[in-house]
Amino acid sequence: MTSELLTEQPSTDARLTAEHPSPRDSELIEQYIDALWLEKGLSKNTLSSYRRDLSIYACWLNSRNAYLLESCRTDLLSYLNWRVRQRMKASSTSRLLSCLRGFFRYLLREGVLVEDPTLQVESPKRGRPLPKTLSESEVEALLQAPDLGDVLGFRDRAMLEMLYSSGLRVSELVGLQLSQINLRQGVIRVIGKGDKERLVPLGDEAADWLVRYLKEGRPGLIDDAANEVVFPSRRGQQMTRQTFWHRIKRHGLAAGVEQLPSPHVLRHAFATHLLNHGADLRVVQLLLGHSDLSTTQIYTHIARHRLQSLHKQHHPRG
């Protein structure tokens, strides 16, 4: 845990860098992250996102000889204007503002600030873009792309099959442990956002590839019998999300997929193809681990677009 909150203003001669905020701002950020972890039990990935957003804003302030405790509404509006000029997405700016509101309310609660600079700062209006997805033929081409003569390719094929079959988040996939798999019942026990647990069924094809991989592929990557990671890296450790993203991109290029895939695009494909084949929206919600049905409803727009395309293509008066 970090020390008690700072109450004095930082000096303006602090050494600043483009990569890291001033030491005093860094300490404030870490205190807030600690509080979030203790009070809300947020995941490591969520806390990292909050830390990154706050640090970027602090660095921007520091480059202008300003600091978090001095931040005012004018600073925030100037920063938002800067983000617009940098062509940053409205969705990421909205998330940043939500993070900043929580941060400054925390400082108010702790008696460090007397005024919240985020008051009367509106979040940018944003549409609800349809998630990128792949057609069924593109998914099939992607699944066929890994080289099965290579142990890493064998691993990647099993990962892709599981991702498309179960709609896992990439963090759930790379962090999967052997103890979470029940091949007899054909399900995996997933620990999702907020440490919420859900059971996700494995399709027959994915289960077959997983069994083959566990027998023929994984032993070539693991030299520690106590290691529970299902899909280890080349070095036998848990793979990072970034590494798997690069692997999928590589296979997408080999498959000639026009829309270069990411783990999240395959998750979208999983949900979209289920709906296209008649799955109930609430079932898809449970499989994806969405706490709110409104989050899942975005996929109905994709399914509706698909139905409209089919109608136009096949109906005599389409």
C-alpha atoms as a PDB file:
ATOM      1  CA  MET A   1       0.000   0.000   0.000  1.00  0.00           C
ATOM      2  CA  THR A   2       1.109   3.536  -0.671  1.00  0.00           C
ATOM      3  CA  SER A   3       1.423   6.197   1.970  1.00  0.00           C
ATOM      4  CA  GLU A   4      -1.332   8.596   3.005  1.00  0.00           C
ATOM      5  CA  LEU A   5      -2.607  11.060   0.427  1.00  0.00           C
ATOM      6  CA  LEU A   6      -0.448  14.052  -0.341  1.00  0.00           C
ATOM      7  CA  THR A   7      -1.906  17.370   0.695  1.00  0.00           C
ATOM      8  CA  GLU A   8       0.783  19.758  -0.469  1.00  0.00           C
ATOM      9  CA  GLN A   9       1.167  21.028  -4.018  1.00  0.00           C
ATOM     10  CA  PRO A  10       4.033  19.570  -6.061  1.00  0.00           C
ATOM     11  CA  SER A  11       6.903  21.812  -6.991  1.00  0.00           C
ATOM     12  CA  THR A  12       7.089  22.953 -10.591  1.00  0.00           C
ATOM     13  CA  ASP A  13      10.706  21.915 -11.009  1.00  0.00           C
ATOM     14  CA  ALA A  14       9.913  18.190 -10.875  1.00  0.00           C
ATOM     15  CA  ARG A  15      11.652  16.199 -13.564  1.00  0.00           C
ATOM     16  CA  LEU A  16       9.056  15.228 -16.191  1.00  0.00           C
ATOM     17  CA  THR A  17       9.135  12.679 -18.965  1.00  0.00           C
ATOM     18  CA  ALA A  18       6.759  11.886 -21.819  1.00  0.00           C
ATOM     19  CA  GLU A  19       6.409   8.304 -20.565  1.00  0.00           C
ATOM     20  CA  HIS A  20       5.807   8.795 -16.861  1.00  0.00           C
ATOM     21  CA  PRO A  21       3.961  11.413 -14.801  1.00  0.00           C
ATOM     22  CA  SER A  22       5.683  13.336 -12.043  1.00  0.00           C
ATOM     23  CA  PRO A  23       6.450  11.317  -8.881  1.00  0.00           C
ATOM     24  CA  ARG A  24       3.736  13.087  -6.875  1.00  0.00           C
ATOM     25  CA  ASP A  25       1.107  12.484  -9.560  1.00  0.00           C
ATOM     26  CA  SER A  26       2.237   8.859  -9.839  1.00  0.00           C
ATOM     27  CA  GLU A  27       1.735   8.423  -6.096  1.00  0.00           C
ATOM     28  CA  LEU A  28      -1.769   9.889  -6.233  1.00  0.00           C
ATOM     29  CA  ILE A  29      -2.664   7.546  -9.082  1.00  0.00           C
ATOM     30  CA  GLU A  30      -1.318   4.501  -7.234  1.00  0.00           C
ATOM     31  CA  GLN A  31      -3.277   5.452  -4.109  1.00  0.00           C
ATOM     32  CA  TYR A  32      -6.461   5.603  -6.168  1.00  0.00           C
ATOM     33  CA  ILE A  33      -5.700   2.258  -7.845  1.00  0.00           C
ATOM     34  CA  ASP A  34      -5.121   0.705  -4.410  1.00  0.00           C
ATOM     35  CA  ALA A  35      -8.476   2.077  -3.234  1.00  0.00           C
ATOM     36  CA  LEU A  36     -10.262   0.656  -6.284  1.00  0.00           C
ATOM     37  CA  TRP A  37      -8.714  -2.742  -5.679  1.00  0.00           C
ATOM     38  CA  LEU A  38      -9.680  -2.753  -2.000  1.00  0.00           C
ATOM     39  CA  GLU A  39     -13.180  -1.319  -2.365  1.00  0.00           C
ATOM     40  CA  LYS A  40     -14.386  -2.726  -5.672  1.00  0.00           C
ATOM     41  CA  GLY A  41     -12.168  -5.721  -6.344  1.00  0.00           C
ATOM     42  CA  LEU A  42     -11.655  -4.709  -9.968  1.00  0.00           C
ATOM     43  CA  SER A  43      -9.676  -7.013 -12.238  1.00  0.00           C
ATOM     44  CA  LYS A  44      -5.995  -6.522 -12.956  1.00  0.00           C
ATOM     45  CA  ASN A  45      -6.741  -5.574 -16.577  1.00  0.00           C
ATOM     46  CA  THR A  46      -9.312  -2.946 -15.548  1.00  0.00           C
ATOM     47  CA  LEU A  47      -6.960  -1.436 -12.987  1.00  0.00           C
ATOM     48  CA  SER A  48      -4.197  -1.292 -15.608  1.00  0.00           C
ATOM     49  CA  SER A  49      -6.533   0.581 -17.974  1.00  0.00           C
ATOM     50  CA  TYR A  50      -7.410   3.106 -15.258  1.00  0.00           C
ATOM     51  CA  ARG A  51      -3.756   3.587 -14.383  1.00  0.00           C
ATOM     52  CA  ARG A  52      -2.853   4.133 -18.035  1.00  0.00           C
ATOM     53  CA  ASP A  53      -5.644   6.678 -18.655  1.00  0.00           C
ATOM     54  CA  LEU A  54      -4.776   8.670 -15.546  1.00  0.00           C
ATOM     55  CA  SER A  55      -1.055   8.565 -16.312  1.00  0.00           C
ATOM     56  CA  ILE A  56      -1.540   9.846 -19.862  1.00  0.00           C
ATOM     57  CA  TYR A  57      -3.613  12.764 -18.603  1.00  0.00           C
ATOM     58  CA  ALA A  58      -1.052  13.498 -15.870  1.00  0.00           C
ATOM     59  CA  CYS A  59       1.770  13.470 -18.436  1.00  0.00           C
ATOM     60  CA  TRP A  60      -0.176  15.877 -20.612  1.00  0.00           C
ATOM     61  CA  LEU A  61      -0.595  18.208 -17.609  1.00  0.00           C
ATOM     62  CA  ASN A  62       3.039  17.832 -16.601  1.00  0.00           C
ATOM     63  CA  SER A  63       4.179  18.838 -20.086  1.00  0.00           C
ATOM     64  CA  ARG A  64       2.405  22.147 -19.392  1.00  0.00           C
ATOM     65  CA  ASN A  65       3.885  22.480 -15.896  1.00  0.00           C
ATOM     66  CA  ALA A  66       0.570  21.536 -14.284  1.00  0.00           C
ATOM     67  CA  TYR A  67      -0.363  18.661 -11.976  1.00  0.00           C
ATOM     68  CA  LEU A  68      -3.356  16.563 -11.059  1.00  0.00           C
ATOM     69  CA  LEU A  69      -4.102  18.458  -7.837  1.00  0.00           C
ATOM     70  CA  GLU A  70      -4.111  21.716  -9.819  1.00  0.00           C
ATOM     71  CA  SER A  71      -6.248  20.382 -12.661  1.00  0.00           C
ATOM     72  CA  CYS A  72      -9.276  22.529 -13.491  1.00  0.00           C
ATOM     73  CA  ARG A  73     -12.194  22.437 -15.917  1.00  0.00           C
ATOM     74  CA  THR A  74     -10.212  24.472 -18.436  1.00  0.00           C
ATOM     75  CA  ASP A  75      -7.398  21.906 -18.376  1.00  0.00           C
ATOM     76  CA  LEU A  76      -9.862  19.100 -18.993  1.00  0.00           C
ATOM     77  CA  LEU A  77     -11.505  20.872 -21.913  1.00  0.00           C
ATOM     78  CA  SER A  78      -8.099  21.643 -23.431  1.00  0.00           C
ATOM     79  CA  TYR A  79      -7.103  17.996 -23.027  1.00  0.00           C
ATOM     80  CA  LEU A  80     -10.320  16.795 -24.682  1.00  0.00           C
ATOM     81  CA  ASN A  81      -9.702  19.211 -27.541  1.00  0.00           C
ATOM     82  CA  TRP A  82      -6.187  17.808 -27.888  1.00  0.00           C
ATOM     83  CA  ARG A  83      -7.597  14.273 -28.074  1.00  0.00           C
ATOM     84  CA  VAL A  84      -9.970  15.362 -30.836  1.00  0.00           C
ATOM     85  CA  ARG A  85      -7.035  16.746 -32.817  1.00  0.00           C
ATOM     86  CA  GLN A  86      -5.227  13.446 -32.288  1.00  0.00           C
ATOM     87  CA  ARG A  87      -8.267  11.682 -33.830  1.00  0.00           C
ATOM     88  CA  MET A  88      -8.857   9.578 -30.752  1.00  0.00           C
ATOM     89  CA  LYS A  89     -12.144   7.688 -30.594  1.00  0.00           C
ATOM     90  CA  ALA A  90     -15.105   9.176 -28.750  1.00  0.00           C
ATOM     91  CA  SER A  91     -15.574   5.854 -26.959  1.00  0.00           C
ATOM     92  CA  SER A  92     -12.072   5.961 -25.452  1.00  0.00           C
ATOM     93  CA  THR A  93     -12.543   9.614 -24.449  1.00  0.00           C
ATOM     94  CA  SER A  94     -15.835   8.754 -22.764  1.00  0.00           C
ATOM     95  CA  ARG A  95     -14.120   5.953 -20.854  1.00  0.00           C
ATOM     96  CA  LEU A  96     -11.323   8.340 -19.866  1.00  0.00           C
ATOM     97  CA  LEU A  97     -13.804  10.903 -18.513  1.00  0.00           C
ATOM     98  CA  SER A  98     -15.519   8.208 -16.474  1.00  0.00           C
ATOM     99  CA  CYS A  99     -12.133   7.262 -15.025  1.00  0.00           C
ATOM    100  CA  LEU A 100     -11.287  10.898 -14.235  1.00  0.00           C
ATOM    101  CA  ARG A 101     -14.665  11.472 -12.555  1.00  0.00           C
ATOM    102  CA  GLY A 102     -14.048   8.532 -10.256  1.00  0.00           C
ATOM    103  CA  PHE A 103     -10.518   9.704  -9.525  1.00  0.00           C
ATOM    104  CA  PHE A 104     -11.463  13.292  -8.606  1.00  0.00           C
ATOM    105  CA  ARG A 105     -14.473  12.170  -6.553  1.00  0.00           C
ATOM    106  CA  TYR A 106     -12.083   9.954  -4.609  1.00  0.00           C
ATOM    107  CA  LEU A 107      -9.813  12.952  -3.945  1.00  0.00           C
ATOM    108  CA  LEU A 108     -12.857  14.970  -2.808  1.00  0.00           C
ATOM    109  CA  ARG A 109     -13.890  12.177  -0.475  1.00  0.00           C
ATOM    110  CA  GLU A 110     -10.416  12.046   1.015  1.00  0.00           C
ATOM    111  CA  GLY A 111     -10.415  15.825   1.570  1.00  0.00           C
ATOM    112  CA  VAL A 112      -7.545  16.458  -0.836  1.00  0.00           C
ATOM    113  CA  LEU A 113      -9.635  18.578  -3.213  1.00  0.00           C
ATOM    114  CA  VAL A 114     -12.482  21.003  -2.551  1.00  0.00           C
ATOM    115  CA  GLU A 115     -13.854  21.100  -6.118  1.00  0.00           C
ATOM    116  CA  ASP A 116     -14.355  18.439  -8.778  1.00  0.00           C
ATOM    117  CA  PRO A 117     -12.906  19.696 -12.114  1.00  0.00           C
ATOM    118  CA  THR A 118     -15.012  17.190 -14.069  1.00  0.00           C
ATOM    119  CA  LEU A 119     -18.264  18.920 -13.093  1.00  0.00           C
ATOM    120  CA  GLN A 120     -20.044  20.482 -16.067  1.00  0.00           C
ATOM    121  CA  VAL A 121     -17.772  18.600 -18.470  1.00  0.00           C
ATOM    122  CA  GLU A 122     -19.992  16.559 -20.756  1.00  0.00           C
ATOM    123  CA  SER A 123     -18.965  13.241 -22.205  1.00  0.00           C
ATOM    124  CA  PRO A 124     -18.583  13.263 -26.005  1.00  0.00           C
ATOM    125  CA  LYS A 125     -21.598  12.046 -27.901  1.00  0.00           C
ATOM    126  CA  ARG A 126     -20.884   8.728 -29.493  1.00  0.00           C
ATOM    127  CA  GLY A 127     -22.744   6.399 -31.735  1.00  0.00           C
ATOM    128  CA  ARG A 128     -22.914   2.721 -31.179  1.00  0.00           C
ATOM    129  CA  PRO A 129     -20.783   1.227 -33.934  1.00  0.00           C
ATOM    130  CA  LEU A 130     -21.461  -2.321 -34.993  1.00  0.00           C
ATOM    131  CA  PRO A 131     -18.691  -4.664 -33.851  1.00  0.00           C
ATOM    132  CA  LYS A 132     -16.439  -5.976 -36.588  1.00  0.00           C
ATOM    133  CA  THR A 133     -17.000  -9.610 -37.383  1.00  0.00           C
ATOM    134  CA  LEU A 134     -16.133 -12.327 -39.907  1.00  0.00           C
ATOM    135  CA  SER A 135     -18.264 -14.382 -42.231  1.00  0.00           C
ATOM    136  CA  GLU A 136     -18.517 -18.110 -41.645  1.00  0.00           C
ATOM    137  CA  SER A 137     -16.303 -18.795 -44.664  1.00  0.00           C
ATOM    138  CA  GLU A 138     -13.671 -16.359 -43.359  1.00  0.00           C
ATOM    139  CA  VAL A 139     -13.699 -18.049 -39.960  1.00  0.00           C
ATOM    140  CA  GLU A 140     -13.260 -21.430 -41.646  1.00  0.00           C
ATOM    141  CA  ALA A 141     -10.285 -20.117 -43.633  1.00  0.00           C
ATOM    142  CA  LEU A 142      -8.757 -18.679 -40.460  1.00  0.00           C
ATOM    143  CA  LEU A 143      -9.172 -21.964 -38.571  1.00  0.00           C
ATOM    144  CA  GLN A 144      -7.401 -23.811 -41.374  1.00  0.00           C
ATOM    145  CA  ALA A 145      -4.448 -21.388 -41.497  1.00  0.00           C
ATOM    146  CA  PRO A 146      -2.131 -22.607 -38.671  1.00  0.00           C
ATOM    147  CA  ASP A 147       0.617 -25.060 -39.643  1.00  0.00           C
ATOM    148  CA  LEU A 148      -0.178 -28.300 -37.796  1.00  0.00           C
ATOM    149  CA  GLY A 149       3.367 -29.563 -38.384  1.00  0.00           C
ATOM    150  CA  ASP A 150       4.575 -26.941 -35.901  1.00  0.00           C
ATOM    151  CA  VAL A 151       3.750 -27.278 -32.201  1.00  0.00           C
ATOM    152  CA  LEU A 152       2.875 -23.573 -31.995  1.00  0.00           C
ATOM    153  CA  GLY A 153       0.593 -23.921 -35.001  1.00  0.00           C
ATOM    154  CA  PHE A 154      -1.069 -26.916 -33.365  1.00  0.00           C
ATOM    155  CA  ARG A 155      -1.593 -24.858 -30.218  1.00  0.00           C
ATOM    156  CA  ASP A 156      -2.966 -21.929 -32.218  1.00  0.00           C
ATOM    157  CA  ARG A 157      -5.468 -24.146 -34.040  1.00  0.00           C
ATOM    158  CA  ALA A 158      -6.813 -25.445 -30.726  1.00  0.00           C
ATOM    159  CA  MET A 159      -7.006 -21.885 -29.363  1.00  0.00           C
ATOM    160  CA  LEU A 160      -8.856 -20.595 -32.421  1.00  0.00           C
ATOM    161  CA  GLU A 161     -11.305 -23.495 -32.306  1.00  0.00           C
ATOM    162  CA  MET A 162     -11.992 -22.834 -28.630  1.00  0.00           C
ATOM    163  CA  LEU A 163     -12.322 -19.090 -29.132  1.00  0.00           C
ATOM    164  CA  TYR A 164     -14.844 -19.488 -31.941  1.00  0.00           C
ATOM    165  CA  SER A 165     -16.713 -22.315 -30.219  1.00  0.00           C
ATOM    166  CA  SER A 166     -17.058 -20.659 -26.820  1.00  0.00           C
ATOM    167  CA  GLY A 167     -16.829 -16.878 -27.388  1.00  0.00           C
ATOM    168  CA  LEU A 168     -14.240 -16.450 -24.631  1.00  0.00           C
ATOM    169  CA  ARG A 169     -12.553 -13.126 -23.978  1.00  0.00           C
ATOM    170  CA  VAL A 170      -8.871 -13.262 -24.899  1.00  0.00           C
ATOM    171  CA  SER A 171      -7.859 -12.810 -21.235  1.00  0.00           C
ATOM    172  CA  GLU A 172     -10.059 -15.775 -20.327  1.00  0.00           C
ATOM    173  CA  LEU A 173      -8.491 -17.907 -23.054  1.00  0.00           C
ATOM    174  CA  VAL A 174      -4.813 -17.191 -22.383  1.00  0.00           C
ATOM    175  CA  GLY A 175      -5.385 -17.547 -18.630  1.00  0.00           C
ATOM    176  CA  LEU A 176      -7.269 -20.846 -18.921  1.00  0.00           C
ATOM    177  CA  GLN A 177      -6.115 -23.536 -16.458  1.00  0.00           C
ATOM    178  CA  LEU A 178      -6.412 -27.321 -16.773  1.00  0.00           C
ATOM    179  CA  SER A 179      -8.610 -27.417 -13.665  1.00  0.00           C
ATOM    180  CA  GLN A 180     -11.211 -25.281 -15.464  1.00  0.00           C
ATOM    181  CA  ILE A 181     -11.821 -27.882 -18.187  1.00  0.00           C
ATOM    182  CA  ASN A 182     -14.322 -30.719 -17.814  1.00  0.00           C
ATOM    183  CA  LEU A 183     -14.063 -32.811 -20.978  1.00  0.00           C
ATOM    184  CA  ARG A 184     -16.477 -35.448 -19.671  1.00  0.00           C
ATOM    185  CA  GLN A 185     -19.269 -32.884 -19.447  1.00  0.00           C
ATOM    186  CA  GLY A 186     -17.983 -30.843 -22.378  1.00  0.00           C
ATOM    187  CA  VAL A 187     -17.804 -27.533 -20.507  1.00  0.00           C
ATOM    188  CA  ILE A 188     -15.207 -25.086 -19.250  1.00  0.00           C
ATOM    189  CA  ARG A 189     -15.513 -23.023 -16.096  1.00  0.00           C
ATOM    190  CA  VAL A 190     -14.607 -19.440 -16.931  1.00  0.00           C
ATOM    191  CA  ILE A 191     -13.660 -16.677 -14.502  1.00  0.00           C
ATOM    192  CA  GLY A 192     -14.731 -13.501 -16.292  1.00  0.00           C
ATOM    193  CA  LYS A 193     -14.912  -9.788 -15.509  1.00  0.00           C
ATOM    194  CA  GLY A 194     -15.373  -8.979 -11.846  1.00  0.00           C
ATOM    195  CA  ASP A 195     -14.306 -12.557 -11.020  1.00  0.00           C
ATOM    196  CA  LYS A 196     -17.749 -13.770 -12.103  1.00  0.00           C
ATOM    197  CA  GLU A 197     -17.881 -17.451 -12.895  1.00  0.00           C
ATOM    198  CA  ARG A 198     -19.816 -19.015 -15.765  1.00  0.00           C
ATOM    199  CA  LEU A 199     -19.974 -22.403 -17.462  1.00  0.00           C
ATOM    200  CA  VAL A 200     -19.452 -22.384 -21.225  1.00  0.00           C
ATOM    201  CA  PRO A 201     -20.121 -25.456 -23.391  1.00  0.00           C
ATOM    202  CA  LEU A 202     -17.494 -26.725 -25.811  1.00  0.00           C
ATOM    203  CA  GLY A 203     -18.609 -27.758 -29.268  1.00  0.00           C
ATOM    204  CA  ASP A 204     -17.650 -31.233 -30.444  1.00  0.00           C
ATOM    205  CA  GLU A 205     -15.120 -29.876 -32.941  1.00  0.00           C
ATOM    206  CA  ALA A 206     -13.401 -27.669 -30.356  1.00  0.00           C
ATOM    207  CA  ALA A 207     -13.405 -30.485 -27.791  1.00  0.00           C
ATOM    208  CA  ASP A 208     -11.769 -32.855 -30.313  1.00  0.00           C
ATOM    209  CA  TRP A 209      -9.050 -30.332 -31.113  1.00  0.00           C
ATOM    210  CA  LEU A 210      -8.476 -29.661 -27.424  1.00  0.00           C
ATOM    211  CA  VAL A 211      -8.068 -33.370 -26.655  1.00  0.00           C
ATOM    212  CA  ARG A 212      -5.616 -33.778 -29.538  1.00  0.00           C
ATOM    213  CA  TYR A 213      -3.656 -30.713 -28.466  1.00  0.00           C
ATOM    214  CA  LEU A 214      -3.422 -31.813 -24.823  1.00  0.00           C
ATOM    215  CA  LYS A 215      -2.028 -35.186 -25.943  1.00  0.00           C
ATOM    216  CA  GLU A 216       0.142 -34.220 -28.888  1.00  0.00           C
ATOM    217  CA  GLY A 217       0.932 -30.507 -28.641  1.00  0.00           C
ATOM    218  CA  ARG A 218       1.011 -29.207 -25.085  1.00  0.00           C
ATOM    219  CA  PRO A 219       3.664 -31.693 -23.807  1.00  0.00           C
ATOM    220  CA  GLY A 220       6.106 -30.150 -26.281  1.00  0.00           C
ATOM    221  CA  LEU A 221       5.622 -26.710 -24.685  1.00  0.00           C
ATOM    222  CA  ILE A 222       5.512 -27.649 -20.994  1.00  0.00           C
ATOM    223  CA  ASP A 223       8.383 -29.082 -18.972  1.00  0.00           C
ATOM    224  CA  ASP A 224       6.858 -28.459 -15.557  1.00  0.00           C
ATOM    225  CA  ALA A 225       4.193 -30.982 -14.589  1.00  0.00           C
ATOM    226  CA  ALA A 226       2.784 -28.543 -12.030  1.00  0.00           C
ATOM    227  CA  ASN A 227       2.126 -25.884 -14.688  1.00  0.00           C
ATOM    228  CA  GLU A 228      -1.664 -25.624 -15.147  1.00  0.00           C
ATOM    229  CA  VAL A 229      -1.667 -23.225 -18.107  1.00  0.00           C
ATOM    230  CA  VAL A 230      -3.567 -24.830 -20.987  1.00  0.00           C
ATOM    231  CA  PHE A 231      -2.061 -22.740 -23.793  1.00  0.00           C
ATOM    232  CA  PRO A 232       1.516 -21.794 -22.807  1.00  0.00           C
ATOM    233  CA  SER A 233       3.900 -19.632 -24.786  1.00  0.00           C
ATOM    234  CA  ARG A 234       7.005 -20.936 -26.521  1.00  0.00           C
ATOM    235  CA  ARG A 235       8.781 -20.572 -23.169  1.00  0.00           C
ATOM    236  CA  GLY A 236       6.227 -22.621 -21.279  1.00  0.00           C
ATOM    237  CA  GLN A 237       4.661 -19.644 -19.489  1.00  0.00           C
ATOM    238  CA  GLN A 238       1.230 -18.025 -19.727  1.00  0.00           C
ATOM    239  CA  MET A 239       0.889 -16.238 -23.045  1.00  0.00           C
ATOM    240  CA  THR A 240       0.147 -12.524 -23.129  1.00  0.00           C
ATOM    241  CA  ARG A 241      -2.942 -11.149 -24.859  1.00  0.00           C
ATOM    242  CA  GLN A 242      -0.696  -9.168 -27.204  1.00  0.00           C
ATOM    243  CA  THR A 243       1.198 -12.288 -28.293  1.00  0.00           C
ATOM    244  CA  PHE A 244      -2.007 -14.100 -29.184  1.00  0.00           C
ATOM    245  CA  TRP A 245      -3.263 -11.050 -31.085  1.00  0.00           C
ATOM    246  CA  HIS A 246      -0.123 -11.102 -33.220  1.00  0.00           C
ATOM    247  CA  ARG A 247      -0.543 -14.840 -33.822  1.00  0.00           C
ATOM    248  CA  ILE A 248      -4.135 -14.348 -35.021  1.00  0.00           C
ATOM    249  CA  LYS A 249      -3.093 -11.469 -37.271  1.00  0.00           C
ATOM    250  CA  ARG A 250      -0.414 -13.682 -38.798  1.00  0.00           C
ATOM    251  CA  HIS A 251      -2.897 -16.483 -39.485  1.00  0.00           C
ATOM    252  CA  GLY A 252      -5.402 -13.987 -40.885  1.00  0.00           C
ATOM    253  CA  LEU A 253      -2.819 -12.804 -43.430  1.00  0.00           C
ATOM    254  CA  ALA A 254      -2.042 -16.406 -44.384  1.00  0.00           C
ATOM    255  CA  ALA A 255      -5.766 -17.130 -44.791  1.00  0.00           C
ATOM    256  CA  GLY A 256      -6.316 -14.054 -46.951  1.00  0.00           C
ATOM    257  CA  VAL A 257      -8.974 -12.681 -44.623  1.00  0.00           C
ATOM    258  CA  GLU A 258      -9.778  -9.143 -45.751  1.00  0.00           C
ATOM    259  CA  GLN A 259     -10.680  -7.857 -42.265  1.00  0.00           C
ATOM    260  CA  LEU A 260      -7.583  -8.780 -40.241  1.00  0.00           C
ATOM    261  CA  PRO A 261      -8.968 -10.596 -37.208  1.00  0.00           C
ATOM    262  CA  SER A 262      -8.354 -10.080 -33.525  1.00  0.00           C
ATOM    263  CA  PRO A 263      -9.448 -12.249 -30.597  1.00  0.00           C
ATOM    264  CA  HIS A 264     -12.387  -9.899 -30.028  1.00  0.00           C
ATOM    265  CA  VAL A 265     -13.475 -10.145 -33.676  1.00  0.00           C
ATOM    266  CA  LEU A 266     -13.726 -13.924 -33.269  1.00  0.00           C
ATOM    267  CA  ARG A 267     -15.808 -13.386 -30.124  1.00  0.00           C
ATOM    268  CA  HIS A 268     -18.100 -11.150 -32.174  1.00  0.00           C
ATOM    269  CA  ALA A 269     -18.272 -13.804 -34.894  1.00  0.00           C
ATOM    270  CA  PHE A 270     -19.249 -16.397 -32.281  1.00  0.00           C
ATOM    271  CA  ALA A 271     -22.188 -14.265 -31.098  1.00  0.00           C
ATOM    272  CA  THR A 272     -23.282 -13.136 -34.564  1.00  0.00           C
ATOM    273  CA  HIS A 273     -23.267 -16.622 -36.070  1.00  0.00           C
ATOM    274  CA  LEU A 274     -25.233 -18.002 -33.125  1.00  0.00           C
ATOM    275  CA  LEU A 275     -27.937 -15.380 -33.669  1.00  0.00           C
ATOM    276  CA  ASN A 276     -27.919 -15.929 -37.423  1.00  0.00           C
ATOM    277  CA  HIS A 277     -28.683 -19.592 -36.777  1.00  0.00           C
ATOM    278  CA  GLY A 278     -31.571 -18.843 -34.439  1.00  0.00           C
ATOM    279  CA  ALA A 279     -30.029 -18.704 -30.952  1.00  0.00           C
ATOM    280  CA  ASP A 280     -31.944 -16.850 -28.237  1.00  0.00           C
ATOM    281  CA  LEU A 281     -30.456 -13.487 -27.273  1.00  0.00           C
ATOM    282  CA  ARG A 282     -30.454 -14.302 -23.558  1.00  0.00           C
ATOM    283  CA  VAL A 283     -28.557 -17.529 -24.214  1.00  0.00           C
ATOM    284  CA  VAL A 284     -25.919 -15.551 -26.099  1.00  0.00           C
ATOM    285  CA  GLN A 285     -25.799 -13.098 -23.184  1.00  0.00           C
ATOM    286  CA  LEU A 286     -25.045 -15.934 -20.745  1.00  0.00           C
ATOM    287  CA  LEU A 287     -22.414 -17.467 -23.018  1.00  0.00           C
ATOM    288  CA  LEU A 288     -20.626 -14.139 -23.473  1.00  0.00           C
ATOM    289  CA  GLY A 289     -20.778 -13.331 -19.761  1.00  0.00           C
ATOM    290  CA  HIS A 290     -22.550  -9.977 -20.248  1.00  0.00           C
ATOM    291  CA  SER A 291     -24.127  -8.687 -17.050  1.00  0.00           C
ATOM    292  CA  ASP A 292     -26.569  -6.480 -18.989  1.00  0.00           C
ATOM    293  CA  LEU A 293     -28.694  -7.665 -21.905  1.00  0.00           C
ATOM    294  CA  SER A 294     -28.357  -4.250 -23.563  1.00  0.00           C
ATOM    295  CA  THR A 295     -24.677  -5.046 -24.159  1.00  0.00           C
ATOM    296  CA  THR A 296     -25.650  -8.163 -26.087  1.00  0.00           C
ATOM    297  CA  GLN A 297     -28.397  -6.451 -28.096  1.00  0.00           C
ATOM    298  CA  ILE A 298     -25.800  -4.798 -30.330  1.00  0.00           C
ATOM    299  CA  TYR A 299     -25.524  -8.164 -32.112  1.00  0.00           C
ATOM    300  CA  THR A 300     -29.176  -8.107 -33.126  1.00  0.00           C
ATOM    301  CA  HIS A 301     -28.321  -5.232 -35.456  1.00  0.00           C
ATOM    302  CA  ILE A 302     -25.774  -7.422 -37.216  1.00  0.00           C
ATOM    303  CA  ALA A 303     -28.224 -10.316 -37.452  1.00  0.00           C
ATOM    304  CA  ARG A 304     -30.909  -7.959 -38.803  1.00  0.00           C
ATOM    305  CA  HIS A 305     -28.487  -6.658 -41.431  1.00  0.00           C
ATOM    306  CA  ARG A 306     -27.765 -10.257 -42.429  1.00  0.00           C
ATOM    307  CA  LEU A 307     -31.476 -11.026 -42.794  1.00  0.00           C
ATOM    308  CA  GLN A 308     -32.002  -7.896 -44.893  1.00  0.00           C
ATOM    309  CA  SER A 309     -29.138  -8.903 -47.184  1.00  0.00           C
ATOM    310  CA  LEU A 310     -30.558 -12.398 -47.625  1.00  0.00           C
ATOM    311  CA  HIS A 311     -34.009 -10.978 -48.329  1.00  0.00           C
ATOM    312  CA  LYS A 312     -32.626  -8.612 -50.953  1.00  0.00           C
ATOM    313  CA  GLN A 313     -30.621 -11.391 -52.560  1.00  0.00           C
ATOM    314  CA  HIS A 314     -33.262 -14.117 -52.712  1.00  0.00           C
ATOM    315  CA  HIS A 315     -36.724 -12.495 -52.680  1.00  0.00           C
ATOM    316  CA  PRO A 316     -38.171 -11.713 -56.127  1.00  0.00           C
ATOM    317  CA  ARG A 317     -39.145  -8.244 -54.950  1.00  0.00           C
ATOM    318  CA  GLY A 318     -36.109  -7.690 -52.732  1.00  0.00           C
END
